[in-house]
Structures are given as C-alpha cells and as structure tokens.
Amino acid sequence: IKSLNIIPFNTKELEDKVNNFKILSESIRRNFAEILLATMTCLFKIYTSIKAEAAVDPSRVQFLERLKNEARALIMFSGMIQFRMPGDTHSKLLRMEVYMN
C-alpha cells in the first residue's frame, strides 16, 4: 500500500497527498473508500498483534506509536479529501483508530 504513494503515513505528507488525490484517475477514486479501509485494517491488525505480545521493550513501544501516527494521518486525510464516501466508511476508520489509542 505504501508503494502506491497515494495515502499519507505521516502528517507532513497530508497536503501533498490531498493535492495529488485531485488528479488520480477515476478508477482509483471510485474505489478509494475500500483502499482507505484496507489500509486502516492492516494498520489495526498489525497494531493489535504487536500489542498482544507479552514482551515490553522500547522499540516495540516506538513501533506502536508509529502505527498510531500513521492511523491518525489516514483519518486526517480522509476528512480533507473532497470525495463522497459511503456513510459508514468514516465511522469504521474512526473506530479502528480509537481502538488503537
């Protein structure tokens, strides 16, 4: 997903990705809600699997923080793009992000 370079994974990329969204092909934009949900689902599943591990070390905590920041950037991006998504898309994205905090 990161190699597609269409979704920001930190807040520094937000403005560029919002501007680039406007020039994406219609076939990508038509499926963008699914792309966002798939991305957040991946972040959420990685987060929960790492969080469930018993070992506590600084690198693990740092990785979990990075995942939360990536999820936060995705939420901000989904609110900034001028695109009508199915009604439950935002609630699903937000629910996963909240469970990560």
Protein backbone atom coordinates (compact mmCIF):
# COMPACT_ATOMS: atom_id res chain seq x y z
CA ILE A 1 0.00 0.00 0.00
CA LYS A 2 2.83 2.38 0.83
CA SER A 3 4.40 1.79 -2.57
CA LEU A 4 1.27 3.16 -4.26
CA ASN A 5 2.20 6.54 -2.78
CA ILE A 6 -1.40 7.80 -2.68
CA ILE A 7 -2.04 7.75 1.08
CA PRO A 8 -0.10 9.78 3.67
CA PHE A 9 1.51 7.88 6.51
CA ASN A 10 2.54 10.98 8.44
CA THR A 11 1.11 14.45 8.84
CA LYS A 12 3.93 16.04 6.84
CA GLU A 13 2.62 14.34 3.70
CA LEU A 14 -1.01 15.41 4.13
CA GLU A 15 -1.09 18.48 1.92
CA ASP A 16 0.75 16.82 -0.96
CA LYS A 17 -1.43 13.70 -0.86
CA VAL A 18 -4.63 15.78 -0.73
CA ASN A 19 -3.49 17.74 -3.80
CA ASN A 20 -2.44 14.55 -5.59
CA PHE A 21 -5.81 12.96 -4.85
CA LYS A 22 -7.47 15.51 -7.11
CA ILE A 23 -5.54 14.23 -10.13
CA LEU A 24 -5.94 10.49 -9.51
CA SER A 25 -7.76 8.55 -12.19
CA GLU A 26 -11.48 8.00 -11.74
CA SER A 27 -10.99 4.22 -11.41
CA ILE A 28 -8.79 4.75 -8.33
CA ARG A 29 -11.02 7.41 -6.79
CA ARG A 30 -14.09 5.23 -7.29
CA ASN A 31 -12.52 2.56 -5.06
CA PHE A 32 -10.84 4.91 -2.62
CA ALA A 33 -13.09 4.12 0.35
CA GLU A 34 -12.07 0.47 0.07
CA ILE A 35 -8.40 1.44 -0.22
CA LEU A 36 -8.65 3.54 2.95
CA LEU A 37 -10.47 0.78 4.83
CA ALA A 38 -7.97 -1.86 3.72
CA THR A 39 -5.06 0.34 4.79
CA MET A 40 -6.56 1.07 8.20
CA THR A 41 -7.41 -2.60 8.67
CA CYS A 42 -3.78 -3.53 8.00
CA LEU A 43 -2.53 -0.92 10.48
CA PHE A 44 -5.07 -2.06 13.08
CA LYS A 45 -4.25 -5.76 12.73
CA ILE A 46 -0.52 -5.14 12.95
CA TYR A 47 -1.07 -2.92 15.99
CA THR A 48 -3.23 -5.46 17.83
CA SER A 49 -0.89 -8.35 17.10
CA ILE A 50 2.17 -6.41 18.34
CA LYS A 51 0.25 -5.06 21.35
CA ALA A 52 -0.76 -8.61 22.35
CA GLU A 53 2.85 -9.73 22.68
CA ALA A 54 3.96 -10.10 26.28
CA ALA A 55 7.44 -8.60 25.87
CA VAL A 56 7.79 -4.90 26.58
CA ASP A 57 10.73 -3.11 25.05
CA PRO A 58 11.32 0.44 23.85
CA SER A 59 11.47 -0.49 20.16
CA ARG A 60 8.06 -2.19 20.38
CA VAL A 61 6.54 0.83 22.11
CA GLN A 62 8.07 3.12 19.47
CA PHE A 63 6.67 0.93 16.66
CA LEU A 64 3.20 1.03 18.20
CA GLU A 65 3.41 4.83 18.37
CA ARG A 66 4.40 4.95 14.71
CA LEU A 67 1.38 2.84 13.78
CA LYS A 68 -0.91 5.16 15.77
CA ASN A 69 0.58 8.18 14.00
CA GLU A 70 0.06 6.54 10.61
CA ALA A 71 -3.57 5.81 11.51
CA ARG A 72 -4.04 9.41 12.66
CA ALA A 73 -2.64 10.72 9.34
CA LEU A 74 -5.01 8.45 7.44
CA ILE A 75 -8.00 9.75 9.43
CA MET A 76 -6.99 13.36 8.82
CA PHE A 77 -6.50 12.66 5.12
CA SER A 78 -9.91 11.03 4.78
CA GLY A 79 -11.50 14.17 6.21
CA MET A 80 -9.52 16.53 3.99
CA ILE A 81 -10.14 15.00 0.57
CA GLN A 82 -13.08 16.24 -1.44
CA PHE A 83 -14.69 12.86 -2.01
CA ARG A 84 -18.04 11.40 -1.08
CA MET A 85 -17.58 8.07 0.65
CA PRO A 86 -20.22 5.60 1.82
CA GLY A 87 -21.67 6.73 5.16
CA ASP A 88 -20.15 4.01 7.29
CA THR A 89 -16.60 4.41 5.93
CA HIS A 90 -15.65 7.26 8.26
CA SER A 91 -17.16 5.52 11.28
CA LYS A 92 -15.25 2.30 10.52
CA LEU A 93 -11.99 4.21 10.09
CA LEU A 94 -12.53 6.15 13.30
CA ARG A 95 -13.47 3.05 15.28
CA MET A 96 -10.24 1.29 14.36
CA GLU A 97 -8.18 4.40 15.14
CA VAL A 98 -9.87 4.78 18.53
CA TYR A 99 -9.17 1.15 19.42
CA MET A 100 -5.51 1.86 18.75
CA ASN A 101 -5.44 4.60 21.41
